[in-house]
Amino acid sequence: MGTAMAWRTLSPVAAEISEHELERYARQVERIGLDGQQRLKAARVLVLGARAAGSAAAAQLVSSGVGYVAIVDGGAVEAADLCAQAVLYTPDVGANRAEAVAAKLGILNTHTQAESYPVDVEEANAHAILVGHDLAIDCRHGGVSLEDHARTTGVAVLTAPGGRAVDGLLVADEALSLLATAAPVTQGAPA
């Protein structure tokens, strides 16, 4: 699984807010304004780890209208995963976690793009995985440090403090606040 992910191409995220979206996000727009909602729609967020914290964070981001959410996880859904996750179901056991979560996110909000990266984050692919995103939320249980890769790609990384769903919701809330109030980070590695 040490691919450099050269196959991955990022499609543009439209920032136009439709009438249906204005209706869907009405309460949120009251808090963050139309400009904030447009920033959310234009944002590209990477969620690393698709267990309890990662799937909860991804679901919250998609529900809130983040335009593009990618889920990274090379593991398979286990029966033990089901008790802590709202977006994985019994038929998902044995399937890749990232693919199973991304499929549910596409149903949760059809105005967003959900993509899966069914790989483990390794030293050889960490840089390629981060490039092109505005923000990454690390919900993994250990693994390769993203600190150096975050610095060279210019991607901010938030870390869920624990593996519980509530930890994912808390870090997703922090991410939404950052994305709605600030211009997105410039894409790609510094020149």
C-alpha atoms as a PDB file:
ATOM      1  CA  MET A   1       0.000   0.000   0.000  1.00  0.00           C
ATOM      2  CA  GLY A   2       2.939   2.317  -0.378  1.00  0.00           C
ATOM      3  CA  THR A   3       1.623   3.971  -3.515  1.00  0.00           C
ATOM      4  CA  ALA A   4       2.331   7.606  -4.190  1.00  0.00           C
ATOM      5  CA  MET A   5      -1.311   8.005  -5.239  1.00  0.00           C
ATOM      6  CA  ALA A   6      -0.338   9.528  -8.578  1.00  0.00           C
ATOM      7  CA  TRP A   7      -3.746   8.397  -9.878  1.00  0.00           C
ATOM      8  CA  ARG A   8      -5.571  10.871  -7.643  1.00  0.00           C
ATOM      9  CA  THR A   9      -6.831  13.998  -9.361  1.00  0.00           C
ATOM     10  CA  LEU A  10      -8.771  16.614  -7.461  1.00  0.00           C
ATOM     11  CA  SER A  11     -11.772  18.040  -9.240  1.00  0.00           C
ATOM     12  CA  PRO A  12     -12.793  21.636  -8.556  1.00  0.00           C
ATOM     13  CA  VAL A  13     -15.416  22.270  -5.884  1.00  0.00           C
ATOM     14  CA  ALA A  14     -18.176  24.684  -6.911  1.00  0.00           C
ATOM     15  CA  ALA A  15     -18.831  27.420  -4.353  1.00  0.00           C
ATOM     16  CA  GLU A  16     -22.224  28.480  -5.734  1.00  0.00           C
ATOM     17  CA  ILE A  17     -24.937  27.929  -3.145  1.00  0.00           C
ATOM     18  CA  SER A  18     -28.231  26.691  -4.597  1.00  0.00           C
ATOM     19  CA  GLU A  19     -31.676  27.606  -3.281  1.00  0.00           C
ATOM     20  CA  HIS A  20     -32.052  24.084  -1.902  1.00  0.00           C
ATOM     21  CA  GLU A  21     -28.753  24.432  -0.057  1.00  0.00           C
ATOM     22  CA  LEU A  22     -29.806  27.802   1.376  1.00  0.00           C
ATOM     23  CA  GLU A  23     -32.897  26.087   2.751  1.00  0.00           C
ATOM     24  CA  ARG A  24     -30.877  23.134   4.071  1.00  0.00           C
ATOM     25  CA  TYR A  25     -28.238  25.270   5.790  1.00  0.00           C
ATOM     26  CA  ALA A  26     -30.558  28.133   6.884  1.00  0.00           C
ATOM     27  CA  ARG A  27     -29.833  27.838  10.608  1.00  0.00           C
ATOM     28  CA  GLN A  28     -26.121  27.555  10.010  1.00  0.00           C
ATOM     29  CA  VAL A  29     -26.110  30.546   7.625  1.00  0.00           C
ATOM     30  CA  GLU A  30     -27.685  32.614  10.423  1.00  0.00           C
ATOM     31  CA  ARG A  31     -24.543  31.932  12.491  1.00  0.00           C
ATOM     32  CA  ILE A  32     -21.763  31.989   9.888  1.00  0.00           C
ATOM     33  CA  GLY A  33     -23.297  34.076   7.108  1.00  0.00           C
ATOM     34  CA  LEU A  34     -23.538  33.319   3.413  1.00  0.00           C
ATOM     35  CA  ASP A  35     -19.816  34.031   2.961  1.00  0.00           C
ATOM     36  CA  GLY A  36     -18.988  31.436   5.622  1.00  0.00           C
ATOM     37  CA  GLN A  37     -21.240  28.865   3.961  1.00  0.00           C
ATOM     38  CA  GLN A  38     -19.598  29.542   0.600  1.00  0.00           C
ATOM     39  CA  ARG A  39     -16.179  29.020   2.213  1.00  0.00           C
ATOM     40  CA  LEU A  40     -17.392  25.688   3.606  1.00  0.00           C
ATOM     41  CA  LYS A  41     -18.664  24.635   0.188  1.00  0.00           C
ATOM     42  CA  ALA A  42     -15.336  25.566  -1.426  1.00  0.00           C
ATOM     43  CA  ALA A  43     -13.303  23.704   1.222  1.00  0.00           C
ATOM     44  CA  ARG A  44     -11.459  20.410   0.706  1.00  0.00           C
ATOM     45  CA  VAL A  45     -11.056  18.422   3.920  1.00  0.00           C
ATOM     46  CA  LEU A  46      -9.215  15.171   4.463  1.00  0.00           C
ATOM     47  CA  VAL A  47     -10.233  12.860   7.309  1.00  0.00           C
ATOM     48  CA  LEU A  48      -7.618  10.286   8.237  1.00  0.00           C
ATOM     49  CA  GLY A  49      -9.111   7.250   9.950  1.00  0.00           C
ATOM     50  CA  ALA A  50     -12.683   6.037   9.506  1.00  0.00           C
ATOM     51  CA  ARG A  51     -13.465   4.501  12.865  1.00  0.00           C
ATOM     52  CA  ALA A  52     -15.669   6.210  15.471  1.00  0.00           C
ATOM     53  CA  ALA A  53     -13.964   9.632  15.578  1.00  0.00           C
ATOM     54  CA  GLY A  54     -13.212   9.820  11.851  1.00  0.00           C
ATOM     55  CA  SER A  55     -16.627   8.739  10.649  1.00  0.00           C
ATOM     56  CA  ALA A  56     -18.350  11.135  13.084  1.00  0.00           C
ATOM     57  CA  ALA A  57     -16.109  14.017  11.966  1.00  0.00           C
ATOM     58  CA  ALA A  58     -16.692  13.246   8.286  1.00  0.00           C
ATOM     59  CA  ALA A  59     -20.464  13.006   8.752  1.00  0.00           C
ATOM     60  CA  GLN A  60     -20.530  16.369  10.554  1.00  0.00           C
ATOM     61  CA  LEU A  61     -18.448  18.040   7.828  1.00  0.00           C
ATOM     62  CA  VAL A  62     -20.683  16.689   5.056  1.00  0.00           C
ATOM     63  CA  SER A  63     -23.882  17.560   6.941  1.00  0.00           C
ATOM     64  CA  SER A  64     -22.589  21.112   7.312  1.00  0.00           C
ATOM     65  CA  GLY A  65     -21.922  21.499   3.594  1.00  0.00           C
ATOM     66  CA  VAL A  66     -18.164  21.141   3.264  1.00  0.00           C
ATOM     67  CA  GLY A  67     -17.814  20.772  -0.493  1.00  0.00           C
ATOM     68  CA  TYR A  68     -15.293  17.934  -0.598  1.00  0.00           C
ATOM     69  CA  VAL A  69     -14.472  15.406   2.107  1.00  0.00           C
ATOM     70  CA  ALA A  70     -11.994  12.576   1.551  1.00  0.00           C
ATOM     71  CA  ILE A  71     -11.756   9.642   3.949  1.00  0.00           C
ATOM     72  CA  VAL A  72      -8.452   7.757   4.286  1.00  0.00           C
ATOM     73  CA  ASP A  73      -8.405   4.306   5.856  1.00  0.00           C
ATOM     74  CA  GLY A  74      -6.877   1.072   4.603  1.00  0.00           C
ATOM     75  CA  GLY A  75      -8.644  -1.172   7.097  1.00  0.00           C
ATOM     76  CA  ALA A  76     -11.721  -3.332   6.795  1.00  0.00           C
ATOM     77  CA  VAL A  77     -14.915  -2.823   8.775  1.00  0.00           C
ATOM     78  CA  GLU A  78     -15.042  -5.207  11.733  1.00  0.00           C
ATOM     79  CA  ALA A  79     -18.162  -6.215  13.656  1.00  0.00           C
ATOM     80  CA  ALA A  80     -16.634  -4.469  16.705  1.00  0.00           C
ATOM     81  CA  ASP A  81     -16.656  -1.166  14.755  1.00  0.00           C
ATOM     82  CA  LEU A  82     -20.447  -1.161  14.476  1.00  0.00           C
ATOM     83  CA  CYS A  83     -21.262  -0.292  18.087  1.00  0.00           C
ATOM     84  CA  ALA A  84     -19.474   3.058  17.920  1.00  0.00           C
ATOM     85  CA  GLN A  85     -20.355   4.312  14.437  1.00  0.00           C
ATOM     86  CA  ALA A  86     -23.544   5.736  13.022  1.00  0.00           C
ATOM     87  CA  VAL A  87     -22.527   5.449   9.360  1.00  0.00           C
ATOM     88  CA  LEU A  88     -21.426   1.809   9.190  1.00  0.00           C
ATOM     89  CA  TYR A  89     -23.912  -1.046   9.092  1.00  0.00           C
ATOM     90  CA  THR A  90     -23.846  -4.830   9.406  1.00  0.00           C
ATOM     91  CA  PRO A  91     -23.582  -5.415   5.620  1.00  0.00           C
ATOM     92  CA  ASP A  92     -20.388  -3.284   5.649  1.00  0.00           C
ATOM     93  CA  VAL A  93     -18.432  -5.852   7.693  1.00  0.00           C
ATOM     94  CA  GLY A  94     -15.442  -6.902   5.609  1.00  0.00           C
ATOM     95  CA  ALA A  95     -15.611  -3.871   3.295  1.00  0.00           C
ATOM     96  CA  ASN A  96     -12.970  -1.150   3.325  1.00  0.00           C
ATOM     97  CA  ARG A  97     -13.796   1.445   6.013  1.00  0.00           C
ATOM     98  CA  ALA A  98     -13.041   4.492   3.836  1.00  0.00           C
ATOM     99  CA  GLU A  99     -15.189   3.213   0.974  1.00  0.00           C
ATOM    100  CA  ALA A 100     -18.096   2.262   3.255  1.00  0.00           C
ATOM    101  CA  VAL A 101     -18.084   5.641   5.032  1.00  0.00           C
ATOM    102  CA  ALA A 102     -17.727   7.634   1.781  1.00  0.00           C
ATOM    103  CA  ALA A 103     -20.707   5.782   0.283  1.00  0.00           C
ATOM    104  CA  LYS A 104     -22.900   6.812   3.234  1.00  0.00           C
ATOM    105  CA  LEU A 105     -21.673  10.407   3.108  1.00  0.00           C
ATOM    106  CA  GLY A 106     -22.731  10.667  -0.532  1.00  0.00           C
ATOM    107  CA  ILE A 107     -26.273   9.826   0.565  1.00  0.00           C
ATOM    108  CA  LEU A 108     -26.166  12.075   3.645  1.00  0.00           C
ATOM    109  CA  ASN A 109     -25.645  15.186   1.520  1.00  0.00           C
ATOM    110  CA  THR A 110     -25.818  15.092  -2.265  1.00  0.00           C
ATOM    111  CA  HIS A 111     -24.462  18.655  -2.488  1.00  0.00           C
ATOM    112  CA  THR A 112     -21.018  17.529  -1.359  1.00  0.00           C
ATOM    113  CA  GLN A 113     -18.358  15.254  -2.813  1.00  0.00           C
ATOM    114  CA  ALA A 114     -17.215  12.346  -0.665  1.00  0.00           C
ATOM    115  CA  GLU A 115     -14.232  10.335  -1.817  1.00  0.00           C
ATOM    116  CA  SER A 116     -12.454   7.354  -0.320  1.00  0.00           C
ATOM    117  CA  TYR A 117      -8.736   6.643  -0.234  1.00  0.00           C
ATOM    118  CA  PRO A 118      -8.647   2.962   0.763  1.00  0.00           C
ATOM    119  CA  VAL A 119      -4.997   3.029   1.850  1.00  0.00           C
ATOM    120  CA  ASP A 120      -3.043   3.245   5.078  1.00  0.00           C
ATOM    121  CA  VAL A 121      -1.048   6.444   5.568  1.00  0.00           C
ATOM    122  CA  GLU A 122       2.629   5.602   5.238  1.00  0.00           C
ATOM    123  CA  GLU A 123       5.776   7.672   4.973  1.00  0.00           C
ATOM    124  CA  ALA A 124       5.830   7.018   1.212  1.00  0.00           C
ATOM    125  CA  ASN A 125       2.300   8.333   0.529  1.00  0.00           C
ATOM    126  CA  ALA A 126       1.594  10.871   3.300  1.00  0.00           C
ATOM    127  CA  HIS A 127       2.688  13.889   1.246  1.00  0.00           C
ATOM    128  CA  ALA A 128       0.603  12.868  -1.777  1.00  0.00           C
ATOM    129  CA  ILE A 129      -2.440  12.237   0.410  1.00  0.00           C
ATOM    130  CA  LEU A 130      -2.270  15.704   2.019  1.00  0.00           C
ATOM    131  CA  VAL A 131      -1.596  17.759  -1.124  1.00  0.00           C
ATOM    132  CA  GLY A 132      -4.587  19.662  -2.455  1.00  0.00           C
ATOM    133  CA  HIS A 133      -6.572  19.852   0.771  1.00  0.00           C
ATOM    134  CA  ASP A 134      -7.291  22.902   2.891  1.00  0.00           C
ATOM    135  CA  LEU A 135      -7.352  21.008   6.154  1.00  0.00           C
ATOM    136  CA  ALA A 136      -6.766  17.489   7.469  1.00  0.00           C
ATOM    137  CA  ILE A 137      -8.338  15.912  10.534  1.00  0.00           C
ATOM    138  CA  ASP A 138      -6.239  13.101  11.952  1.00  0.00           C
ATOM    139  CA  CYS A 139      -8.440  10.535  13.703  1.00  0.00           C
ATOM    140  CA  ARG A 140      -6.030   7.619  13.421  1.00  0.00           C
ATOM    141  CA  HIS A 141      -4.795   5.558  16.335  1.00  0.00           C
ATOM    142  CA  GLY A 142      -1.067   6.247  15.924  1.00  0.00           C
ATOM    143  CA  GLY A 143       0.814   5.758  12.684  1.00  0.00           C
ATOM    144  CA  VAL A 144       3.020   7.997  10.585  1.00  0.00           C
ATOM    145  CA  SER A 145       3.437  11.532  11.926  1.00  0.00           C
ATOM    146  CA  LEU A 146       1.976  14.147   9.615  1.00  0.00           C
ATOM    147  CA  GLU A 147       3.909  17.084  11.078  1.00  0.00           C
ATOM    148  CA  ASP A 148       6.678  17.305   8.444  1.00  0.00           C
ATOM    149  CA  HIS A 149       4.286  16.554   5.588  1.00  0.00           C
ATOM    150  CA  ALA A 150       1.842  19.193   6.810  1.00  0.00           C
ATOM    151  CA  ARG A 151       4.630  21.767   6.851  1.00  0.00           C
ATOM    152  CA  THR A 152       5.803  20.976   3.305  1.00  0.00           C
ATOM    153  CA  THR A 153       2.275  20.844   1.849  1.00  0.00           C
ATOM    154  CA  GLY A 154       0.919  23.859   3.732  1.00  0.00           C
ATOM    155  CA  VAL A 155      -2.059  21.801   4.940  1.00  0.00           C
ATOM    156  CA  ALA A 156      -3.206  22.493   8.496  1.00  0.00           C
ATOM    157  CA  VAL A 157      -3.777  19.339  10.555  1.00  0.00           C
ATOM    158  CA  LEU A 158      -6.180  19.043  13.483  1.00  0.00           C
ATOM    159  CA  THR A 159      -5.993  15.955  15.669  1.00  0.00           C
ATOM    160  CA  ALA A 160      -8.910  14.242  17.387  1.00  0.00           C
ATOM    161  CA  PRO A 161      -7.735  13.776  20.992  1.00  0.00           C
ATOM    162  CA  GLY A 162      -9.244  10.294  21.374  1.00  0.00           C
ATOM    163  CA  GLY A 163     -10.932   7.592  19.394  1.00  0.00           C
ATOM    164  CA  ARG A 164     -14.522   8.248  20.453  1.00  0.00           C
ATOM    165  CA  ALA A 165     -17.228   9.635  18.173  1.00  0.00           C
ATOM    166  CA  VAL A 166     -17.585  12.679  20.434  1.00  0.00           C
ATOM    167  CA  ASP A 167     -13.884  13.464  19.853  1.00  0.00           C
ATOM    168  CA  GLY A 168     -14.548  13.460  16.115  1.00  0.00           C
ATOM    169  CA  LEU A 169     -17.514  15.787  16.542  1.00  0.00           C
ATOM    170  CA  LEU A 170     -15.467  18.205  18.642  1.00  0.00           C
ATOM    171  CA  VAL A 171     -12.620  18.399  16.139  1.00  0.00           C
ATOM    172  CA  ALA A 172     -15.110  18.690  13.246  1.00  0.00           C
ATOM    173  CA  ASP A 173     -16.718  21.663  15.006  1.00  0.00           C
ATOM    174  CA  GLU A 174     -13.295  23.294  15.343  1.00  0.00           C
ATOM    175  CA  ALA A 175     -12.599  22.605  11.649  1.00  0.00           C
ATOM    176  CA  LEU A 176     -15.931  24.106  10.584  1.00  0.00           C
ATOM    177  CA  SER A 177     -15.213  27.265  12.587  1.00  0.00           C
ATOM    178  CA  LEU A 178     -11.778  27.618  11.001  1.00  0.00           C
ATOM    179  CA  LEU A 179     -13.049  26.980   7.483  1.00  0.00           C
ATOM    180  CA  ALA A 180     -16.068  29.273   7.730  1.00  0.00           C
ATOM    181  CA  THR A 181     -14.162  32.245   9.113  1.00  0.00           C
ATOM    182  CA  ALA A 182     -10.891  32.172   7.200  1.00  0.00           C
ATOM    183  CA  ALA A 183      -9.854  32.014   3.580  1.00  0.00           C
ATOM    184  CA  PRO A 184      -8.823  28.473   2.584  1.00  0.00           C
ATOM    185  CA  VAL A 185      -5.151  27.588   2.771  1.00  0.00           C
ATOM    186  CA  THR A 186      -3.379  27.891  -0.578  1.00  0.00           C
ATOM    187  CA  GLN A 187      -3.433  24.524  -2.329  1.00  0.00           C
ATOM    188  CA  GLY A 188      -0.315  22.451  -2.861  1.00  0.00           C
ATOM    189  CA  ALA A 189       3.219  22.537  -1.611  1.00  0.00           C
ATOM    190  CA  PRO A 190       5.084  25.824  -1.340  1.00  0.00           C
ATOM    191  CA  ALA A 191       7.163  26.654  -4.379  1.00  0.00           C
END
